[in-house]
PDB file of N, CA and C in Angstrom:
ATOM      1  N   UNK A   1      33.147  24.953 -29.057  1.00  0.00           N
ATOM      2  CA  UNK A   1      31.907  25.571 -28.654  1.00  0.00           C
ATOM      3  C   UNK A   1      31.984  25.857 -27.172  1.00  0.00           C
ATOM      4  N   UNK A   2      31.741  27.097 -26.793  1.00  0.00           N
ATOM      5  CA  UNK A   2      31.877  27.514 -25.402  1.00  0.00           C
ATOM      6  C   UNK A   2      30.501  27.710 -24.793  1.00  0.00           C
ATOM      7  N   UNK A   3      30.287  27.145 -23.636  1.00  0.00           N
ATOM      8  CA  UNK A   3      29.018  27.325 -22.926  1.00  0.00           C
ATOM      9  C   UNK A   3      29.145  28.473 -21.950  1.00  0.00           C
ATOM     10  N   UNK A   4      28.137  29.344 -21.917  1.00  0.00           N
ATOM     11  CA  UNK A   4      28.144  30.434 -20.952  1.00  0.00           C
ATOM     12  C   UNK A   4      27.874  29.921 -19.545  1.00  0.00           C
ATOM     13  N   UNK A   5      27.005  28.908 -19.452  1.00  0.00           N
ATOM     14  CA  UNK A   5      26.658  28.325 -18.157  1.00  0.00           C
ATOM     15  C   UNK A   5      27.073  26.861 -18.166  1.00  0.00           C
ATOM     16  N   UNK A   6      28.212  26.537 -17.578  1.00  0.00           N
ATOM     17  CA  UNK A   6      28.612  25.129 -17.584  1.00  0.00           C
ATOM     18  C   UNK A   6      27.626  24.292 -16.778  1.00  0.00           C
ATOM     19  N   UNK A   7      27.323  23.098 -17.305  1.00  0.00           N
ATOM     20  CA  UNK A   7      26.380  22.210 -16.624  1.00  0.00           C
ATOM     21  C   UNK A   7      27.060  21.577 -15.420  1.00  0.00           C
ATOM     22  N   UNK A   8      26.330  21.406 -14.337  1.00  0.00           N
ATOM     23  CA  UNK A   8      26.947  20.809 -13.145  1.00  0.00           C
ATOM     24  C   UNK A   8      27.323  19.358 -13.403  1.00  0.00           C
ATOM     25  N   UNK A   9      28.414  18.957 -12.823  1.00  0.00           N
ATOM     26  CA  UNK A   9      28.854  17.578 -12.953  1.00  0.00           C
ATOM     27  C   UNK A   9      28.152  16.723 -11.908  1.00  0.00           C
ATOM     28  N   UNK A  10      28.279  15.440 -12.071  1.00  0.00           N
ATOM     29  CA  UNK A  10      27.614  14.482 -11.190  1.00  0.00           C
ATOM     30  C   UNK A  10      28.119  14.630  -9.750  1.00  0.00           C
ATOM     31  N   UNK A  11      27.167  14.650  -8.812  1.00  0.00           N
ATOM     32  CA  UNK A  11      27.506  14.728  -7.401  1.00  0.00           C
ATOM     33  C   UNK A  11      26.770  13.595  -6.688  1.00  0.00           C
ATOM     34  N   UNK A  12      27.474  12.866  -5.845  1.00  0.00           N
ATOM     35  CA  UNK A  12      26.905  11.723  -5.148  1.00  0.00           C
ATOM     36  C   UNK A  12      26.928  11.993  -3.650  1.00  0.00           C
ATOM     37  N   UNK A  13      25.739  11.939  -3.035  1.00  0.00           N
ATOM     38  CA  UNK A  13      25.613  12.075  -1.582  1.00  0.00           C
ATOM     39  C   UNK A  13      25.174  10.735  -1.026  1.00  0.00           C
ATOM     40  N   UNK A  14      25.772  10.324   0.083  1.00  0.00           N
ATOM     41  CA  UNK A  14      25.407   9.062   0.714  1.00  0.00           C
ATOM     42  C   UNK A  14      24.713   9.340   2.039  1.00  0.00           C
ATOM     43  N   UNK A  15      23.658   8.560   2.306  1.00  0.00           N
ATOM     44  CA  UNK A  15      22.911   8.707   3.547  1.00  0.00           C
ATOM     45  C   UNK A  15      22.353   7.351   3.970  1.00  0.00           C
ATOM     46  N   UNK A  16      21.983   7.239   5.232  1.00  0.00           N
ATOM     47  CA  UNK A  16      21.360   6.024   5.742  1.00  0.00           C
ATOM     48  C   UNK A  16      19.849   6.165   5.638  1.00  0.00           C
ATOM     49  N   UNK A  17      19.178   5.128   5.138  1.00  0.00           N
ATOM     50  CA  UNK A  17      17.719   5.135   5.037  1.00  0.00           C
ATOM     51  C   UNK A  17      17.169   3.853   5.649  1.00  0.00           C
ATOM     52  N   UNK A  18      15.928   3.927   6.134  1.00  0.00           N
ATOM     53  CA  UNK A  18      15.249   2.754   6.676  1.00  0.00           C
ATOM     54  C   UNK A  18      14.505   2.046   5.553  1.00  0.00           C
ATOM     55  N   UNK A  19      14.660   0.727   5.485  1.00  0.00           N
ATOM     56  CA  UNK A  19      13.988  -0.066   4.463  1.00  0.00           C
ATOM     57  C   UNK A  19      13.183  -1.140   5.173  1.00  0.00           C
ATOM     58  N   UNK A  20      11.919  -1.243   4.797  1.00  0.00           N
ATOM     59  CA  UNK A  20      11.081  -2.315   5.334  1.00  0.00           C
ATOM     60  C   UNK A  20      10.057  -2.679   4.284  1.00  0.00           C
ATOM     61  N   UNK A  21       9.617  -3.914   4.359  1.00  0.00           N
ATOM     62  CA  UNK A  21       8.576  -4.376   3.444  1.00  0.00           C
ATOM     63  C   UNK A  21       7.230  -4.041   4.054  1.00  0.00           C
ATOM     64  N   UNK A  22       6.288  -3.719   3.218  1.00  0.00           N
ATOM     65  CA  UNK A  22       4.935  -3.474   3.708  1.00  0.00           C
ATOM     66  C   UNK A  22       3.928  -4.072   2.729  1.00  0.00           C
ATOM     67  N   UNK A  23       2.787  -4.486   3.253  1.00  0.00           N
ATOM     68  CA  UNK A  23       1.782  -5.110   2.384  1.00  0.00           C
ATOM     69  C   UNK A  23       1.093  -4.075   1.503  1.00  0.00           C
ATOM     70  N   UNK A  24       0.562  -4.538   0.395  1.00  0.00           N
ATOM     71  CA  UNK A  24      -0.228  -3.676  -0.476  1.00  0.00           C
ATOM     72  C   UNK A  24      -1.685  -3.806  -0.039  1.00  0.00           C
ATOM     73  N   UNK A  25      -2.209  -2.746   0.513  1.00  0.00           N
ATOM     74  CA  UNK A  25      -3.551  -2.778   1.090  1.00  0.00           C
ATOM     75  C   UNK A  25      -4.602  -3.171   0.062  1.00  0.00           C
ATOM     76  N   UNK A  26      -4.476  -2.640  -1.135  1.00  0.00           N
ATOM     77  CA  UNK A  26      -5.492  -2.910  -2.151  1.00  0.00           C
ATOM     78  C   UNK A  26      -5.582  -4.401  -2.453  1.00  0.00           C
ATOM     79  N   UNK A  27      -4.439  -5.094  -2.491  1.00  0.00           N
ATOM     80  CA  UNK A  27      -4.458  -6.529  -2.767  1.00  0.00           C
ATOM     81  C   UNK A  27      -5.163  -7.303  -1.656  1.00  0.00           C
ATOM     82  N   UNK A  28      -4.887  -6.952  -0.407  1.00  0.00           N
ATOM     83  CA  UNK A  28      -5.549  -7.609   0.719  1.00  0.00           C
ATOM     84  C   UNK A  28      -7.061  -7.362   0.676  1.00  0.00           C
ATOM     85  N   UNK A  29      -7.445  -6.126   0.411  1.00  0.00           N
ATOM     86  CA  UNK A  29      -8.871  -5.781   0.385  1.00  0.00           C
ATOM     87  C   UNK A  29      -9.577  -6.479  -0.777  1.00  0.00           C
ATOM     88  N   UNK A  30      -8.947  -6.533  -1.931  1.00  0.00           N
ATOM     89  CA  UNK A  30      -9.540  -7.196  -3.086  1.00  0.00           C
ATOM     90  C   UNK A  30      -9.692  -8.694  -2.829  1.00  0.00           C
ATOM     91  N   UNK A  31      -8.681  -9.305  -2.234  1.00  0.00           N
ATOM     92  CA  UNK A  31      -8.763 -10.724  -1.913  1.00  0.00           C
ATOM     93  C   UNK A  31      -9.893 -10.988  -0.920  1.00  0.00           C
ATOM     94  N   UNK A  32     -10.013 -10.145   0.101  1.00  0.00           N
ATOM     95  CA  UNK A  32     -11.102 -10.303   1.065  1.00  0.00           C
ATOM     96  C   UNK A  32     -12.467 -10.170   0.407  1.00  0.00           C
ATOM     97  N   UNK A  33     -12.612  -9.201  -0.488  1.00  0.00           N
ATOM     98  CA  UNK A  33     -13.889  -9.000  -1.176  1.00  0.00           C
ATOM     99  C   UNK A  33     -14.241 -10.202  -2.056  1.00  0.00           C
ATOM    100  N   UNK A  34     -13.262 -10.738  -2.770  1.00  0.00           N
ATOM    101  CA  UNK A  34     -13.517 -11.891  -3.652  1.00  0.00           C
ATOM    102  C   UNK A  34     -13.886 -13.126  -2.830  1.00  0.00           C
ATOM    103  N   UNK A  35     -13.148 -13.384  -1.754  1.00  0.00           N
ATOM    104  CA  UNK A  35     -13.437 -14.563  -0.921  1.00  0.00           C
ATOM    105  C   UNK A  35     -14.826 -14.459  -0.306  1.00  0.00           C
ATOM    106  N   UNK A  36     -15.174 -13.300   0.208  1.00  0.00           N
ATOM    107  CA  UNK A  36     -16.488 -13.140   0.823  1.00  0.00           C
ATOM    108  C   UNK A  36     -17.603 -13.158  -0.222  1.00  0.00           C
ATOM    109  N   UNK A  37     -17.343 -12.657  -1.426  1.00  0.00           N
ATOM    110  CA  UNK A  37     -18.350 -12.726  -2.490  1.00  0.00           C
ATOM    111  C   UNK A  37     -18.625 -14.178  -2.882  1.00  0.00           C
ATOM    112  N   UNK A  38     -17.576 -14.969  -2.988  1.00  0.00           N
ATOM    113  CA  UNK A  38     -17.765 -16.398  -3.306  1.00  0.00           C
ATOM    114  C   UNK A  38     -18.526 -17.080  -2.177  1.00  0.00           C
ATOM    115  N   UNK A  39     -18.185 -16.750  -0.931  1.00  0.00           N
ATOM    116  CA  UNK A  39     -18.904 -17.342   0.207  1.00  0.00           C
ATOM    117  C   UNK A  39     -20.373 -16.931   0.190  1.00  0.00           C
ATOM    118  N   UNK A  40     -20.657 -15.683  -0.131  1.00  0.00           N
ATOM    119  CA  UNK A  40     -22.045 -15.223  -0.224  1.00  0.00           C
ATOM    120  C   UNK A  40     -22.807 -15.928  -1.327  1.00  0.00           C
ATOM    121  N   UNK A  41     -22.153 -16.168  -2.442  1.00  0.00           N
ATOM    122  CA  UNK A  41     -22.773 -16.904  -3.555  1.00  0.00           C
ATOM    123  C   UNK A  41     -23.099 -18.336  -3.145  1.00  0.00           C
ATOM    124  N   UNK A  42     -22.165 -18.976  -2.483  1.00  0.00           N
ATOM    125  CA  UNK A  42     -22.380 -20.355  -2.039  1.00  0.00           C
ATOM    126  C   UNK A  42     -23.517 -20.420  -1.022  1.00  0.00           C
ATOM    127  N   UNK A  43     -23.508 -19.506  -0.069  1.00  0.00           N
ATOM    128  CA  UNK A  43     -24.553 -19.514   0.965  1.00  0.00           C
ATOM    129  C   UNK A  43     -25.933 -19.267   0.352  1.00  0.00           C
ATOM    130  N   UNK A  44     -26.008 -18.347  -0.597  1.00  0.00           N
ATOM    131  CA  UNK A  44     -27.301 -18.030  -1.210  1.00  0.00           C
ATOM    132  C   UNK A  44     -27.896 -19.228  -1.941  1.00  0.00           C
ATOM    133  N   UNK A  45     -27.083 -19.935  -2.698  1.00  0.00           N
ATOM    134  CA  UNK A  45     -27.609 -21.052  -3.475  1.00  0.00           C
ATOM    135  C   UNK A  45     -27.619 -22.369  -2.710  1.00  0.00           C
ATOM    136  N   UNK A  46     -27.005 -22.418  -1.539  1.00  0.00           N
ATOM    137  CA  UNK A  46     -27.030 -23.640  -0.727  1.00  0.00           C
ATOM    138  C   UNK A  46     -28.293 -23.709   0.136  1.00  0.00           C
ATOM    139  N   UNK A  47     -28.926 -22.577   0.367  1.00  0.00           N
ATOM    140  CA  UNK A  47     -30.137 -22.556   1.188  1.00  0.00           C
ATOM    141  C   UNK A  47     -31.324 -23.098   0.393  1.00  0.00           C
ATOM    142  N   UNK A  48     -32.216 -23.785   1.052  1.00  0.00           N
ATOM    143  CA  UNK A  48     -33.416 -24.268   0.346  1.00  0.00           C
ATOM    144  C   UNK A  48     -34.257 -23.080  -0.135  1.00  0.00           C
ATOM    145  N   UNK A  49     -34.857 -23.225  -1.319  1.00  0.00           N
ATOM    146  CA  UNK A  49     -35.624 -22.130  -1.904  1.00  0.00           C
ATOM    147  C   UNK A  49     -36.896 -22.699  -2.519  1.00  0.00           C
ATOM    148  N   UNK A  50     -38.018 -22.116  -2.128  1.00  0.00           N
ATOM    149  CA  UNK A  50     -39.310 -22.524  -2.683  1.00  0.00           C
ATOM    150  C   UNK A  50     -39.929 -21.299  -3.339  1.00  0.00           C
ATOM    151  N   UNK A  51     -40.036 -21.308  -4.645  1.00  0.00           N
ATOM    152  CA  UNK A  51     -40.539 -20.157  -5.391  1.00  0.00           C
ATOM    153  C   UNK A  51     -41.984 -19.830  -5.041  1.00  0.00           C
ATOM    154  N   UNK A  52     -42.756 -20.803  -4.589  1.00  0.00           N
ATOM    155  CA  UNK A  52     -44.174 -20.582  -4.261  1.00  0.00           C
ATOM    156  C   UNK A  52     -44.337 -19.728  -3.001  1.00  0.00           C
ATOM    157  N   UNK A  53     -43.493 -19.947  -1.997  1.00  0.00           N
ATOM    158  CA  UNK A  53     -43.664 -19.262  -0.714  1.00  0.00           C
ATOM    159  C   UNK A  53     -42.628 -18.175  -0.453  1.00  0.00           C
ATOM    160  N   UNK A  54     -41.655 -18.014  -1.330  1.00  0.00           N
ATOM    161  CA  UNK A  54     -40.575 -17.055  -1.098  1.00  0.00           C
ATOM    162  C   UNK A  54     -41.072 -15.629  -1.283  1.00  0.00           C
ATOM    163  N   UNK A  55     -40.659 -14.768  -0.385  1.00  0.00           N
ATOM    164  CA  UNK A  55     -40.999 -13.349  -0.490  1.00  0.00           C
ATOM    165  C   UNK A  55     -40.080 -12.641  -1.484  1.00  0.00           C
ATOM    166  N   UNK A  56     -38.803 -13.042  -1.494  1.00  0.00           N
ATOM    167  CA  UNK A  56     -37.820 -12.429  -2.391  1.00  0.00           C
ATOM    168  C   UNK A  56     -37.267 -13.488  -3.337  1.00  0.00           C
ATOM    169  N   UNK A  57     -36.895 -13.064  -4.527  1.00  0.00           N
ATOM    170  CA  UNK A  57     -36.291 -14.004  -5.483  1.00  0.00           C
ATOM    171  C   UNK A  57     -34.844 -14.285  -5.070  1.00  0.00           C
ATOM    172  N   UNK A  58     -34.282 -15.325  -5.659  1.00  0.00           N
ATOM    173  CA  UNK A  58     -32.879 -15.648  -5.346  1.00  0.00           C
ATOM    174  C   UNK A  58     -31.942 -14.532  -5.795  1.00  0.00           C
ATOM    175  N   UNK A  59     -32.256 -13.897  -6.884  1.00  0.00           N
ATOM    176  CA  UNK A  59     -31.421 -12.793  -7.371  1.00  0.00           C
ATOM    177  C   UNK A  59     -31.382 -11.639  -6.385  1.00  0.00           C
ATOM    178  N   UNK A  60     -32.521 -11.325  -5.782  1.00  0.00           N
ATOM    179  CA  UNK A  60     -32.581 -10.257  -4.789  1.00  0.00           C
ATOM    180  C   UNK A  60     -31.768 -10.629  -3.554  1.00  0.00           C
ATOM    181  N   UNK A  61     -31.945 -11.858  -3.097  1.00  0.00           N
ATOM    182  CA  UNK A  61     -31.191 -12.325  -1.933  1.00  0.00           C
ATOM    183  C   UNK A  61     -29.704 -12.315  -2.237  1.00  0.00           C
ATOM    184  N   UNK A  62     -29.328 -12.757  -3.432  1.00  0.00           N
ATOM    185  CA  UNK A  62     -27.928 -12.754  -3.825  1.00  0.00           C
ATOM    186  C   UNK A  62     -27.371 -11.329  -3.851  1.00  0.00           C
ATOM    187  N   UNK A  63     -28.121 -10.395  -4.384  1.00  0.00           N
ATOM    188  CA  UNK A  63     -27.673  -9.004  -4.442  1.00  0.00           C
ATOM    189  C   UNK A  63     -27.409  -8.429  -3.059  1.00  0.00           C
ATOM    190  N   UNK A  64     -28.335  -8.617  -2.134  1.00  0.00           N
ATOM    191  CA  UNK A  64     -28.136  -8.108  -0.777  1.00  0.00           C
ATOM    192  C   UNK A  64     -26.994  -8.837  -0.070  1.00  0.00           C
ATOM    193  N   UNK A  65     -26.903 -10.141  -0.291  1.00  0.00           N
ATOM    194  CA  UNK A  65     -25.822 -10.913   0.332  1.00  0.00           C
ATOM    195  C   UNK A  65     -24.459 -10.452  -0.190  1.00  0.00           C
ATOM    196  N   UNK A  66     -24.362 -10.233  -1.507  1.00  0.00           N
ATOM    197  CA  UNK A  66     -23.097  -9.764  -2.075  1.00  0.00           C
ATOM    198  C   UNK A  66     -22.745  -8.366  -1.573  1.00  0.00           C
ATOM    199  N   UNK A  67     -23.735  -7.522  -1.436  1.00  0.00           N
ATOM    200  CA  UNK A  67     -23.491  -6.175  -0.939  1.00  0.00           C
ATOM    201  C   UNK A  67     -22.863  -6.209   0.451  1.00  0.00           C
ATOM    202  N   UNK A  68     -23.434  -7.003   1.317  1.00  0.00           N
ATOM    203  CA  UNK A  68     -22.918  -7.111   2.681  1.00  0.00           C
ATOM    204  C   UNK A  68     -21.590  -7.870   2.699  1.00  0.00           C
ATOM    205  N   UNK A  69     -21.499  -8.961   1.946  1.00  0.00           N
ATOM    206  CA  UNK A  69     -20.294  -9.792   1.960  1.00  0.00           C
ATOM    207  C   UNK A  69     -19.085  -9.046   1.398  1.00  0.00           C
ATOM    208  N   UNK A  70     -19.261  -8.315   0.314  1.00  0.00           N
ATOM    209  CA  UNK A  70     -18.145  -7.584  -0.277  1.00  0.00           C
ATOM    210  C   UNK A  70     -17.675  -6.474   0.664  1.00  0.00           C
ATOM    211  N   UNK A  71     -18.605  -5.759   1.279  1.00  0.00           N
ATOM    212  CA  UNK A  71     -18.222  -4.712   2.235  1.00  0.00           C
ATOM    213  C   UNK A  71     -17.462  -5.315   3.419  1.00  0.00           C
ATOM    214  N   UNK A  72     -17.943  -6.437   3.935  1.00  0.00           N
ATOM    215  CA  UNK A  72     -17.254  -7.093   5.052  1.00  0.00           C
ATOM    216  C   UNK A  72     -15.883  -7.614   4.611  1.00  0.00           C
ATOM    217  N   UNK A  73     -15.787  -8.155   3.406  1.00  0.00           N
ATOM    218  CA  UNK A  73     -14.508  -8.647   2.901  1.00  0.00           C
ATOM    219  C   UNK A  73     -13.490  -7.535   2.726  1.00  0.00           C
ATOM    220  N   UNK A  74     -13.934  -6.375   2.231  1.00  0.00           N
ATOM    221  CA  UNK A  74     -13.034  -5.227   2.104  1.00  0.00           C
ATOM    222  C   UNK A  74     -12.514  -4.794   3.475  1.00  0.00           C
ATOM    223  N   UNK A  75     -13.411  -4.715   4.441  1.00  0.00           N
ATOM    224  CA  UNK A  75     -13.019  -4.285   5.789  1.00  0.00           C
ATOM    225  C   UNK A  75     -12.061  -5.283   6.431  1.00  0.00           C
ATOM    226  N   UNK A  76     -12.380  -6.563   6.346  1.00  0.00           N
ATOM    227  CA  UNK A  76     -11.514  -7.567   6.961  1.00  0.00           C
ATOM    228  C   UNK A  76     -10.180  -7.693   6.222  1.00  0.00           C
ATOM    229  N   UNK A  77     -10.180  -7.471   4.922  1.00  0.00           N
ATOM    230  CA  UNK A  77      -8.921  -7.448   4.172  1.00  0.00           C
ATOM    231  C   UNK A  77      -8.030  -6.302   4.608  1.00  0.00           C
ATOM    232  N   UNK A  78      -8.633  -5.138   4.866  1.00  0.00           N
ATOM    233  CA  UNK A  78      -7.862  -3.995   5.353  1.00  0.00           C
ATOM    234  C   UNK A  78      -7.304  -4.269   6.750  1.00  0.00           C
ATOM    235  N   UNK A  79      -8.092  -4.900   7.603  1.00  0.00           N
ATOM    236  CA  UNK A  79      -7.620  -5.254   8.945  1.00  0.00           C
ATOM    237  C   UNK A  79      -6.465  -6.251   8.839  1.00  0.00           C
ATOM    238  N   UNK A  80      -6.575  -7.223   7.952  1.00  0.00           N
ATOM    239  CA  UNK A  80      -5.499  -8.193   7.758  1.00  0.00           C
ATOM    240  C   UNK A  80      -4.223  -7.502   7.272  1.00  0.00           C
ATOM    241  N   UNK A  81      -4.355  -6.509   6.397  1.00  0.00           N
ATOM    242  CA  UNK A  81      -3.185  -5.764   5.917  1.00  0.00           C
ATOM    243  C   UNK A  81      -2.556  -4.965   7.057  1.00  0.00           C
ATOM    244  N   UNK A  82      -3.367  -4.385   7.922  1.00  0.00           N
ATOM    245  CA  UNK A  82      -2.834  -3.656   9.075  1.00  0.00           C
ATOM    246  C   UNK A  82      -2.067  -4.585  10.003  1.00  0.00           C
ATOM    247  N   UNK A  83      -2.614  -5.765  10.246  1.00  0.00           N
ATOM    248  CA  UNK A  83      -1.925  -6.740  11.099  1.00  0.00           C
ATOM    249  C   UNK A  83      -0.613  -7.167  10.442  1.00  0.00           C
ATOM    250  N   UNK A  84      -0.632  -7.419   9.153  1.00  0.00           N
ATOM    251  CA  UNK A  84       0.582  -7.810   8.442  1.00  0.00           C
ATOM    252  C   UNK A  84       1.629  -6.701   8.494  1.00  0.00           C
ATOM    253  N   UNK A  85       1.192  -5.457   8.419  1.00  0.00           N
ATOM    254  CA  UNK A  85       2.132  -4.339   8.504  1.00  0.00           C
ATOM    255  C   UNK A  85       2.757  -4.259   9.894  1.00  0.00           C
ATOM    256  N   UNK A  86       1.968  -4.479  10.922  1.00  0.00           N
ATOM    257  CA  UNK A  86       2.502  -4.473  12.292  1.00  0.00           C
ATOM    258  C   UNK A  86       3.548  -5.560  12.480  1.00  0.00           C
ATOM    259  N   UNK A  87       3.304  -6.719  11.893  1.00  0.00           N
ATOM    260  CA  UNK A  87       4.248  -7.830  12.025  1.00  0.00           C
ATOM    261  C   UNK A  87       5.544  -7.516  11.276  1.00  0.00           C
ATOM    262  N   UNK A  88       5.448  -6.943  10.079  1.00  0.00           N
ATOM    263  CA  UNK A  88       6.651  -6.668   9.283  1.00  0.00           C
ATOM    264  C   UNK A  88       7.373  -5.410   9.742  1.00  0.00           C
ATOM    265  N   UNK A  89       6.757  -4.593  10.559  1.00  0.00           N
ATOM    266  CA  UNK A  89       7.390  -3.367  11.043  1.00  0.00           C
ATOM    267  C   UNK A  89       8.634  -3.683  11.863  1.00  0.00           C
ATOM    268  N   UNK A  90       8.676  -4.851  12.451  1.00  0.00           N
ATOM    269  CA  UNK A  90       9.810  -5.238  13.284  1.00  0.00           C
ATOM    270  C   UNK A  90      11.062  -5.523  12.467  1.00  0.00           C
ATOM    271  N   UNK A  91      10.913  -5.682  11.175  1.00  0.00           N
ATOM    272  CA  UNK A  91      12.065  -6.051  10.345  1.00  0.00           C
ATOM    273  C   UNK A  91      12.609  -4.851   9.566  1.00  0.00           C
ATOM    274  N   UNK A  92      12.741  -3.718  10.238  1.00  0.00           N
ATOM    275  CA  UNK A  92      13.299  -2.528   9.596  1.00  0.00           C
ATOM    276  C   UNK A  92      14.818  -2.684   9.528  1.00  0.00           C
ATOM    277  N   UNK A  93      15.377  -2.378   8.356  1.00  0.00           N
ATOM    278  CA  UNK A  93      16.827  -2.449   8.168  1.00  0.00           C
ATOM    279  C   UNK A  93      17.342  -1.074   7.766  1.00  0.00           C
ATOM    280  N   UNK A  94      18.538  -0.746   8.188  1.00  0.00           N
ATOM    281  CA  UNK A  94      19.205   0.467   7.758  1.00  0.00           C
ATOM    282  C   UNK A  94      20.168   0.117   6.632  1.00  0.00           C
ATOM    283  N   UNK A  95      20.054   0.824   5.521  1.00  0.00           N
ATOM    284  CA  UNK A  95      20.957   0.611   4.394  1.00  0.00           C
ATOM    285  C   UNK A  95      21.510   1.954   3.939  1.00  0.00           C
ATOM    286  N   UNK A  96      22.646   1.903   3.284  1.00  0.00           N
ATOM    287  CA  UNK A  96      23.257   3.120   2.784  1.00  0.00           C
ATOM    288  C   UNK A  96      22.779   3.353   1.359  1.00  0.00           C
ATOM    289  N   UNK A  97      22.280   4.545   1.098  1.00  0.00           N
ATOM    290  CA  UNK A  97      21.766   4.880  -0.227  1.00  0.00           C
ATOM    291  C   UNK A  97      22.564   6.035  -0.811  1.00  0.00           C
ATOM    292  N   UNK A  98      22.652   6.060  -2.124  1.00  0.00           N
ATOM    293  CA  UNK A  98      23.345   7.132  -2.823  1.00  0.00           C
ATOM    294  C   UNK A  98      22.339   7.987  -3.574  1.00  0.00           C
ATOM    295  N   UNK A  99      22.438   9.281  -3.406  1.00  0.00           N
ATOM    296  CA  UNK A  99      21.588  10.231  -4.125  1.00  0.00           C
ATOM    297  C   UNK A  99      22.478  10.920  -5.146  1.00  0.00           C
ATOM    298  N   UNK A 100      22.196  10.688  -6.424  1.00  0.00           N
ATOM    299  CA  UNK A 100      23.025  11.229  -7.501  1.00  0.00           C
ATOM    300  C   UNK A 100      22.329  12.446  -8.086  1.00  0.00           C
ATOM    301  N   UNK A 101      23.030  13.569  -8.134  1.00  0.00           N
ATOM    302  CA  UNK A 101      22.501  14.790  -8.742  1.00  0.00           C
ATOM    303  C   UNK A 101      23.483  15.277  -9.789  1.00  0.00           C
ATOM    304  N   UNK A 102      22.998  16.099 -10.678  1.00  0.00           N
ATOM    305  CA  UNK A 102      23.870  16.654 -11.711  1.00  0.00           C
ATOM    306  C   UNK A 102      23.873  15.797 -12.952  1.00  0.00           C
ATOM    307  N   UNK A 103      24.856  16.030 -13.784  1.00  0.00           N
ATOM    308  CA  UNK A 103      24.975  15.347 -15.073  1.00  0.00           C
ATOM    309  C   UNK A 103      26.219  14.490 -15.054  1.00  0.00           C
ATOM    310  N   UNK A 104      26.075  13.192 -15.388  1.00  0.00           N
ATOM    311  CA  UNK A 104      27.276  12.343 -15.417  1.00  0.00           C
ATOM    312  C   UNK A 104      28.240  12.784 -16.515  1.00  0.00           C
ATOM    313  N   UNK A 105      29.495  12.455 -16.336  1.00  0.00           N
ATOM    314  CA  UNK A 105      30.529  12.884 -17.288  1.00  0.00           C
ATOM    315  C   UNK A 105      30.432  12.189 -18.631  1.00  0.00           C
ATOM    316  N   UNK A 106      29.858  10.992 -18.674  1.00  0.00           N
ATOM    317  CA  UNK A 106      29.886  10.214 -19.914  1.00  0.00           C
ATOM    318  C   UNK A 106      28.587  10.303 -20.719  1.00  0.00           C
ATOM    319  N   UNK A 107      27.748  11.296 -20.506  1.00  0.00           N
ATOM    320  CA  UNK A 107      26.499  11.442 -21.258  1.00  0.00           C
ATOM    321  C   UNK A 107      26.769  12.199 -22.541  1.00  0.00           C
ATOM    322  N   UNK A 108      26.154  11.761 -23.631  1.00  0.00           N
ATOM    323  CA  UNK A 108      26.322  12.443 -24.910  1.00  0.00           C
ATOM    324  C   UNK A 108      25.702  13.833 -24.856  1.00  0.00           C
ATOM    325  N   UNK A 109      26.317  14.760 -25.568  1.00  0.00           N
ATOM    326  CA  UNK A 109      25.802  16.119 -25.630  1.00  0.00           C
ATOM    327  C   UNK A 109      24.613  16.227 -26.571  1.00  0.00           C
ATOM    328  N   UNK A 110      24.100  17.437 -26.804  1.00  0.00           N
ATOM    329  CA  UNK A 110      22.919  17.614 -27.648  1.00  0.00           C
ATOM    330  C   UNK A 110      23.179  17.260 -29.110  1.00  0.00           C
ATOM    331  N   UNK A 111      24.459  17.279 -29.554  1.00  0.00           N
ATOM    332  CA  UNK A 111      24.746  16.932 -30.944  1.00  0.00           C
ATOM    333  C   UNK A 111      25.035  15.442 -31.120  1.00  0.00           C
ATOM    334  N   UNK A 112      24.896  14.627 -30.050  1.00  0.00           N
ATOM    335  CA  UNK A 112      25.088  13.193 -30.157  1.00  0.00           C
ATOM    336  C   UNK A 112      26.505  12.742 -29.908  1.00  0.00           C
ATOM    337  N   UNK A 113      27.429  13.686 -29.664  1.00  0.00           N
ATOM    338  CA  UNK A 113      28.819  13.333 -29.411  1.00  0.00           C
ATOM    339  C   UNK A 113      29.135  13.561 -27.939  1.00  0.00           C
ATOM    340  N   UNK A 114      30.037  12.778 -27.429  1.00  0.00           N
ATOM    341  CA  UNK A 114      30.445  12.938 -26.040  1.00  0.00           C
ATOM    342  C   UNK A 114      31.168  14.279 -25.883  1.00  0.00           C
ATOM    343  N   UNK A 115      30.953  14.933 -24.770  1.00  0.00           N
ATOM    344  CA  UNK A 115      31.589  16.236 -24.513  1.00  0.00           C
ATOM    345  C   UNK A 115      33.047  16.076 -24.192  1.00  0.00           C
TER     346      UNK A 115
END
């Protein structure tokens, strides 16, 4: 079987690339939000509460506290991730990478047999 357009064979190019570890911002922000939400919950229920004289219910206070605490936790988590990124930026390494293009010689053809 003759192909009109022969498929390109595998070609390997080598280059130097910079590799560094970086934090996952979403994980830092989520952790900050959870920690601050727990702190807001503890603070809300640790305060003395008298249903006779209270202007707002505990649920209302908890809702506003969580709103503020979660927003602050997200912001502080993002700041912590930025600081962590600055610290890890110093550990950049150069490594040699291979970029493979084309079709390897040992891949089966469309009929399931090696070419």
